[in-house]
Amino acid sequence: MDKISFIASLPPIQSAVSVSGNGDGARVKLDVPGSEMSEVLKLLLLTGKTFRVTVEAVE
């Protein structure tokens, strides 16, 4: 599978980044505009798999 790339931002909510109470993991929530939906839906193909996430600021 090719790389999945889309524009997103952290939502302005306190739970945008949550750290596990055990300190052994975290959860990140993203806001994604509708124009990026076709790429985001590709994430469904990765359900149950481990993958690498790369974040790059967009000017």
N, C-alpha and C. Protein backbone atom coordinates (compact mmCIF):
# COMPACT_ATOMS: atom_id res chain seq x y z
N MET A 1 0.84 -1.18 0.00
CA MET A 1 0.00 0.00 0.00
C MET A 1 0.88 1.24 0.00
N ASP A 2 0.50 2.24 -0.78
CA ASP A 2 1.20 3.51 -0.79
C ASP A 2 1.00 4.22 0.53
N LYS A 3 1.76 5.27 0.76
CA LYS A 3 1.60 6.07 1.96
C LYS A 3 0.24 6.75 1.97
N ILE A 4 -0.32 6.91 3.15
CA ILE A 4 -1.56 7.66 3.34
C ILE A 4 -1.16 9.03 3.87
N SER A 5 -1.59 10.08 3.21
CA SER A 5 -1.22 11.43 3.62
C SER A 5 -2.44 12.33 3.59
N PHE A 6 -2.66 13.07 4.66
CA PHE A 6 -3.78 14.00 4.69
C PHE A 6 -3.48 15.14 5.66
N ILE A 7 -4.18 16.23 5.49
CA ILE A 7 -4.04 17.41 6.34
C ILE A 7 -4.95 17.24 7.54
N ALA A 8 -4.47 17.55 8.74
CA ALA A 8 -5.28 17.44 9.95
C ALA A 8 -4.76 18.43 10.98
N SER A 9 -5.54 18.60 12.05
CA SER A 9 -5.11 19.44 13.17
C SER A 9 -5.61 18.82 14.46
N LEU A 10 -4.99 19.22 15.56
CA LEU A 10 -5.48 18.77 16.86
C LEU A 10 -6.71 19.61 17.20
N PRO A 11 -7.79 18.97 17.63
CA PRO A 11 -8.99 19.74 17.98
C PRO A 11 -8.76 20.54 19.26
N PRO A 12 -9.48 21.65 19.41
CA PRO A 12 -9.32 22.48 20.60
C PRO A 12 -10.08 21.92 21.80
N ILE A 13 -9.76 20.69 22.16
CA ILE A 13 -10.40 20.03 23.30
C ILE A 13 -9.32 19.48 24.22
N GLN A 14 -9.63 19.37 25.50
CA GLN A 14 -8.66 18.91 26.47
C GLN A 14 -8.19 17.49 26.19
N SER A 15 -9.05 16.66 25.62
CA SER A 15 -8.71 15.26 25.38
C SER A 15 -8.07 15.02 24.02
N ALA A 16 -7.57 16.06 23.35
CA ALA A 16 -6.94 15.88 22.04
C ALA A 16 -5.76 14.91 22.13
N VAL A 17 -5.00 14.99 23.23
CA VAL A 17 -3.92 14.05 23.49
C VAL A 17 -4.14 13.50 24.89
N SER A 18 -4.39 12.20 24.99
CA SER A 18 -4.63 11.55 26.27
C SER A 18 -3.54 10.53 26.53
N VAL A 19 -2.98 10.56 27.72
CA VAL A 19 -1.95 9.61 28.12
C VAL A 19 -2.58 8.55 29.01
N SER A 20 -2.23 7.31 28.78
CA SER A 20 -2.76 6.19 29.57
C SER A 20 -2.42 6.38 31.04
N GLY A 21 -3.35 6.01 31.91
CA GLY A 21 -3.12 6.07 33.34
C GLY A 21 -1.94 5.22 33.78
N ASN A 22 -1.66 4.16 33.03
CA ASN A 22 -0.52 3.29 33.32
C ASN A 22 0.78 3.86 32.76
N GLY A 23 0.66 4.91 31.94
CA GLY A 23 1.85 5.50 31.33
C GLY A 23 2.45 4.66 30.23
N ASP A 24 1.67 3.70 29.71
CA ASP A 24 2.21 2.80 28.69
C ASP A 24 1.66 3.06 27.29
N GLY A 25 1.08 4.23 27.08
CA GLY A 25 0.54 4.53 25.76
C GLY A 25 -0.19 5.86 25.75
N ALA A 26 -0.69 6.24 24.60
CA ALA A 26 -1.42 7.50 24.46
C ALA A 26 -2.40 7.39 23.30
N ARG A 27 -3.35 8.31 23.27
CA ARG A 27 -4.32 8.40 22.18
C ARG A 27 -4.32 9.83 21.68
N VAL A 28 -4.31 9.99 20.36
CA VAL A 28 -4.32 11.31 19.73
C VAL A 28 -5.55 11.40 18.85
N LYS A 29 -6.32 12.48 19.03
CA LYS A 29 -7.50 12.72 18.20
C LYS A 29 -7.18 13.83 17.21
N LEU A 30 -7.64 13.69 15.97
CA LEU A 30 -7.37 14.67 14.92
C LEU A 30 -8.67 15.17 14.30
N ASP A 31 -8.70 16.43 13.95
CA ASP A 31 -9.77 16.99 13.13
C ASP A 31 -9.29 16.98 11.69
N VAL A 32 -10.10 16.42 10.80
CA VAL A 32 -9.73 16.31 9.39
C VAL A 32 -10.84 16.91 8.55
N PRO A 33 -10.52 17.85 7.64
CA PRO A 33 -11.55 18.44 6.80
C PRO A 33 -12.10 17.43 5.79
N GLY A 34 -13.31 17.66 5.35
CA GLY A 34 -13.96 16.76 4.40
C GLY A 34 -13.18 16.57 3.12
N SER A 35 -12.40 17.56 2.73
CA SER A 35 -11.62 17.45 1.50
C SER A 35 -10.55 16.36 1.59
N GLU A 36 -10.26 15.87 2.79
CA GLU A 36 -9.25 14.85 2.99
C GLU A 36 -9.85 13.46 3.23
N MET A 37 -11.17 13.35 3.13
CA MET A 37 -11.86 12.12 3.51
C MET A 37 -11.39 10.89 2.74
N SER A 38 -11.11 11.03 1.46
CA SER A 38 -10.70 9.84 0.69
C SER A 38 -9.42 9.23 1.24
N GLU A 39 -8.50 10.06 1.72
CA GLU A 39 -7.26 9.54 2.30
C GLU A 39 -7.52 8.95 3.69
N VAL A 40 -8.34 9.63 4.48
CA VAL A 40 -8.62 9.16 5.84
C VAL A 40 -9.29 7.79 5.80
N LEU A 41 -10.17 7.57 4.85
CA LEU A 41 -10.86 6.28 4.75
C LEU A 41 -9.90 5.12 4.49
N LYS A 42 -8.75 5.43 3.92
CA LYS A 42 -7.74 4.39 3.69
C LYS A 42 -7.22 3.81 5.00
N LEU A 43 -7.37 4.58 6.10
CA LEU A 43 -6.94 4.07 7.40
C LEU A 43 -7.71 2.82 7.79
N LEU A 44 -8.93 2.68 7.29
CA LEU A 44 -9.73 1.49 7.60
C LEU A 44 -9.04 0.21 7.15
N LEU A 45 -8.24 0.31 6.10
CA LEU A 45 -7.51 -0.86 5.61
C LEU A 45 -6.41 -1.29 6.57
N LEU A 46 -6.07 -0.42 7.51
CA LEU A 46 -5.00 -0.72 8.46
C LEU A 46 -5.53 -1.17 9.82
N THR A 47 -6.83 -1.37 9.93
CA THR A 47 -7.41 -1.81 11.19
C THR A 47 -6.74 -3.11 11.65
N GLY A 48 -6.30 -3.12 12.88
CA GLY A 48 -5.64 -4.30 13.44
C GLY A 48 -4.17 -4.41 13.10
N LYS A 49 -3.64 -3.45 12.33
CA LYS A 49 -2.23 -3.47 11.95
C LYS A 49 -1.50 -2.33 12.66
N THR A 50 -0.20 -2.48 12.80
CA THR A 50 0.64 -1.41 13.31
C THR A 50 1.16 -0.61 12.13
N PHE A 51 1.22 0.71 12.30
CA PHE A 51 1.73 1.56 11.21
C PHE A 51 2.47 2.75 11.79
N ARG A 52 3.27 3.40 10.97
CA ARG A 52 4.06 4.56 11.38
C ARG A 52 3.30 5.83 11.02
N VAL A 53 3.31 6.79 11.92
CA VAL A 53 2.68 8.09 11.69
C VAL A 53 3.77 9.14 11.61
N THR A 54 3.73 9.97 10.57
CA THR A 54 4.68 11.06 10.40
C THR A 54 3.90 12.37 10.40
N VAL A 55 4.33 13.33 11.19
CA VAL A 55 3.64 14.63 11.28
C VAL A 55 4.56 15.69 10.74
N GLU A 56 4.02 16.55 9.87
CA GLU A 56 4.78 17.62 9.26
C GLU A 56 3.90 18.87 9.23
N ALA A 57 4.37 19.97 9.77
CA ALA A 57 3.57 21.21 9.78
C ALA A 57 3.37 21.72 8.36
N VAL A 58 2.18 22.22 8.09
CA VAL A 58 1.85 22.81 6.80
C VAL A 58 1.77 24.32 6.98
N GLU A 59 2.50 25.05 6.20
CA GLU A 59 2.51 26.52 6.32
C GLU A 59 1.33 27.13 5.62
